[in-house]
Amino acid sequence: MSTIQPELITVLSIKVFKAIQTTTDEYLENPVNPDGVEIKIGQNTALNVEAKNIRIRLNIQLEAKNSESELLGLSGEYGLEFQIHVENLDQFLVEKEEKTLIDTKLGGTLSGIVFSTARGIIYERTSSTLFKGVLLPVIDPNHLLGHN
């Protein structure tokens, strides 16, 4: 397994392709500050081996809850796309079941970069809304890859 060399990783672009917040009429009639937010996160990754590029899409769903963990009628959905170039990508590719995959070392590193960047974007996007700012939790980046 190769060593991660940060200087060989370049974030080419970050795009927000979905940013939706919705409220029910009931919530708008009686808005209350959320006591918590349920967060669901999904990730989709695509490779362009020849160009040494990786596309990672994060899908984040938010549901505001009260102190009894009941839904308030305030929700959000965000989609973020990251284009990343890894100069030595070929050193981190593994073949599994006739698929080309990124090994967990590079995958975890990229997930950490993407998720921490998404944390700032989501906080900024929700800070001036009825959510009053949502901070994504600190997680093990390998959980986004489906590894523990």
Protein backbone atom coordinates (compact mmCIF):
# COMPACT_ATOMS: atom_id res chain seq x y z
CA MET A 1 0.00 0.00 0.00
CA SER A 2 1.35 3.41 -0.96
CA THR A 3 1.82 6.36 1.34
CA ILE A 4 -0.56 9.30 1.04
CA GLN A 5 1.24 12.35 -0.30
CA PRO A 6 -1.00 15.39 0.27
CA GLU A 7 0.90 17.47 -2.27
CA LEU A 8 -0.30 15.05 -4.98
CA ILE A 9 -3.99 15.63 -4.14
CA THR A 10 -5.77 18.64 -5.66
CA VAL A 11 -9.39 19.63 -5.15
CA LEU A 12 -10.39 20.78 -8.63
CA SER A 13 -13.92 21.96 -7.88
CA ILE A 14 -16.71 21.99 -5.32
CA LYS A 15 -20.29 22.43 -6.50
CA VAL A 16 -23.57 22.60 -4.62
CA PHE A 17 -26.03 20.88 -6.94
CA LYS A 18 -28.95 20.73 -4.51
CA ALA A 19 -29.91 23.05 -1.65
CA ILE A 20 -33.50 22.71 -0.51
CA GLN A 21 -35.11 23.63 2.77
CA THR A 22 -38.76 22.94 3.35
CA THR A 23 -41.22 23.66 6.13
CA THR A 24 -44.72 22.54 6.82
CA ASP A 25 -47.47 25.13 7.19
CA GLU A 26 -47.83 24.07 10.84
CA TYR A 27 -44.18 24.79 11.51
CA LEU A 28 -44.40 28.21 9.84
CA GLU A 29 -47.39 29.08 12.03
CA ASN A 30 -45.41 28.21 15.16
CA PRO A 31 -41.67 28.11 14.44
CA VAL A 32 -39.54 26.85 17.30
CA ASN A 33 -35.81 26.41 17.52
CA PRO A 34 -34.82 22.80 16.88
CA ASP A 35 -33.42 20.89 19.86
CA GLY A 36 -31.61 18.57 17.49
CA VAL A 37 -31.24 17.57 13.89
CA GLU A 38 -31.30 14.06 12.44
CA ILE A 39 -28.63 13.84 9.75
CA LYS A 40 -28.49 11.21 7.02
CA ILE A 41 -25.50 11.08 4.69
CA GLY A 42 -24.89 9.17 1.48
CA GLN A 43 -21.89 9.13 -0.81
CA ASN A 44 -21.41 8.20 -4.45
CA THR A 45 -17.96 7.96 -6.02
CA ALA A 46 -16.86 7.72 -9.66
CA LEU A 47 -13.38 7.29 -11.12
CA ASN A 48 -11.74 8.55 -14.28
CA VAL A 49 -8.57 6.46 -14.09
CA GLU A 50 -7.00 7.90 -17.23
CA ALA A 51 -7.36 11.52 -16.04
CA LYS A 52 -6.55 10.50 -12.42
CA ASN A 53 -9.73 12.20 -11.25
CA ILE A 54 -12.30 11.20 -8.67
CA ARG A 55 -15.83 12.58 -8.38
CA ILE A 56 -17.45 12.33 -4.97
CA ARG A 57 -21.07 13.31 -4.46
CA LEU A 58 -22.36 13.75 -0.93
CA ASN A 59 -26.10 13.74 -0.26
CA ILE A 60 -27.11 15.14 3.10
CA GLN A 61 -30.63 15.11 4.55
CA LEU A 62 -31.59 17.11 7.63
CA GLU A 63 -34.70 16.74 9.81
CA ALA A 64 -35.22 19.15 12.72
CA LYS A 65 -36.52 17.59 15.95
CA ASN A 66 -37.75 18.78 19.33
CA SER A 67 -36.52 17.57 22.72
CA GLU A 68 -38.78 14.50 22.48
CA SER A 69 -37.17 13.58 19.12
CA GLU A 70 -40.39 14.43 17.27
CA LEU A 71 -40.16 15.92 13.78
CA LEU A 72 -40.86 19.64 13.71
CA GLY A 73 -41.73 20.05 10.02
CA LEU A 74 -38.41 21.63 9.05
CA SER A 75 -36.15 19.70 6.71
CA GLY A 76 -33.30 20.21 4.33
CA GLU A 77 -31.55 18.36 1.54
CA TYR A 78 -28.14 19.20 0.14
CA GLY A 79 -26.08 17.72 -2.65
CA LEU A 80 -22.39 18.54 -2.97
CA GLU A 81 -20.06 17.41 -5.73
CA PHE A 82 -16.28 17.35 -5.38
CA GLN A 83 -13.86 16.84 -8.27
CA ILE A 84 -10.47 15.71 -7.02
CA HIS A 85 -7.24 14.97 -8.90
CA VAL A 86 -4.80 12.45 -7.42
CA GLU A 87 -1.54 12.45 -9.33
CA ASN A 88 -0.53 8.98 -8.10
CA LEU A 89 -4.05 7.49 -8.24
CA ASP A 90 -2.83 4.30 -9.93
CA GLN A 91 -0.94 3.38 -6.73
CA PHE A 92 -4.23 3.26 -4.78
CA LEU A 93 -6.43 1.25 -7.14
CA VAL A 94 -7.52 -2.29 -6.33
CA GLU A 95 -9.48 -4.76 -8.43
CA LYS A 96 -12.38 -6.46 -6.67
CA GLU A 97 -15.12 -8.50 -8.31
CA GLU A 98 -14.26 -7.09 -11.75
CA LYS A 99 -14.48 -3.49 -10.47
CA THR A 100 -11.74 -0.93 -10.01
CA LEU A 101 -11.92 0.57 -6.52
CA ILE A 102 -9.92 3.03 -4.46
CA ASP A 103 -8.12 1.42 -1.51
CA THR A 104 -9.35 2.36 1.96
CA LYS A 105 -6.32 4.48 2.82
CA LEU A 106 -6.88 6.95 -0.02
CA GLY A 107 -10.66 6.57 0.23
CA GLY A 108 -10.61 7.50 3.91
CA THR A 109 -8.34 10.45 3.25
CA LEU A 110 -10.57 11.79 0.48
CA SER A 111 -13.73 11.21 2.53
CA GLY A 112 -12.15 13.18 5.39
CA ILE A 113 -11.35 16.09 3.06
CA VAL A 114 -14.83 16.04 1.50
CA PHE A 115 -16.74 15.66 4.75
CA SER A 116 -14.86 18.38 6.62
CA THR A 117 -15.37 20.76 3.68
CA ALA A 118 -19.07 19.83 3.58
CA ARG A 119 -19.32 20.59 7.32
CA GLY A 120 -18.39 24.22 6.64
CA ILE A 121 -20.66 24.53 3.62
CA ILE A 122 -23.70 23.08 5.42
CA TYR A 123 -23.09 25.24 8.49
CA GLU A 124 -22.82 28.39 6.36
CA ARG A 125 -25.89 27.47 4.29
CA THR A 126 -28.04 26.79 7.38
CA SER A 127 -26.79 29.51 9.74
CA SER A 128 -29.19 32.21 8.51
CA THR A 129 -32.19 29.87 8.25
CA LEU A 130 -34.71 28.42 10.67
CA PHE A 131 -32.15 25.66 11.37
CA LYS A 132 -29.94 28.28 13.07
CA GLY A 133 -26.81 26.49 11.81
CA VAL A 134 -26.25 22.75 11.48
CA LEU A 135 -22.83 21.31 12.26
CA LEU A 136 -22.21 17.90 10.75
CA PRO A 137 -20.74 15.58 13.39
CA VAL A 138 -17.13 14.47 13.53
CA ILE A 139 -17.09 10.93 12.15
CA ASP A 140 -14.66 8.26 11.05
CA PRO A 141 -14.33 8.97 7.30
CA ASN A 142 -14.24 5.23 6.63
CA HIS A 143 -17.92 5.05 7.64
CA LEU A 144 -18.73 6.96 4.45
CA LEU A 145 -16.96 4.22 2.53
CA GLY A 146 -18.94 1.47 4.24
CA HIS A 147 -15.87 0.29 6.19
CA ASN A 148 -15.48 0.31 9.96
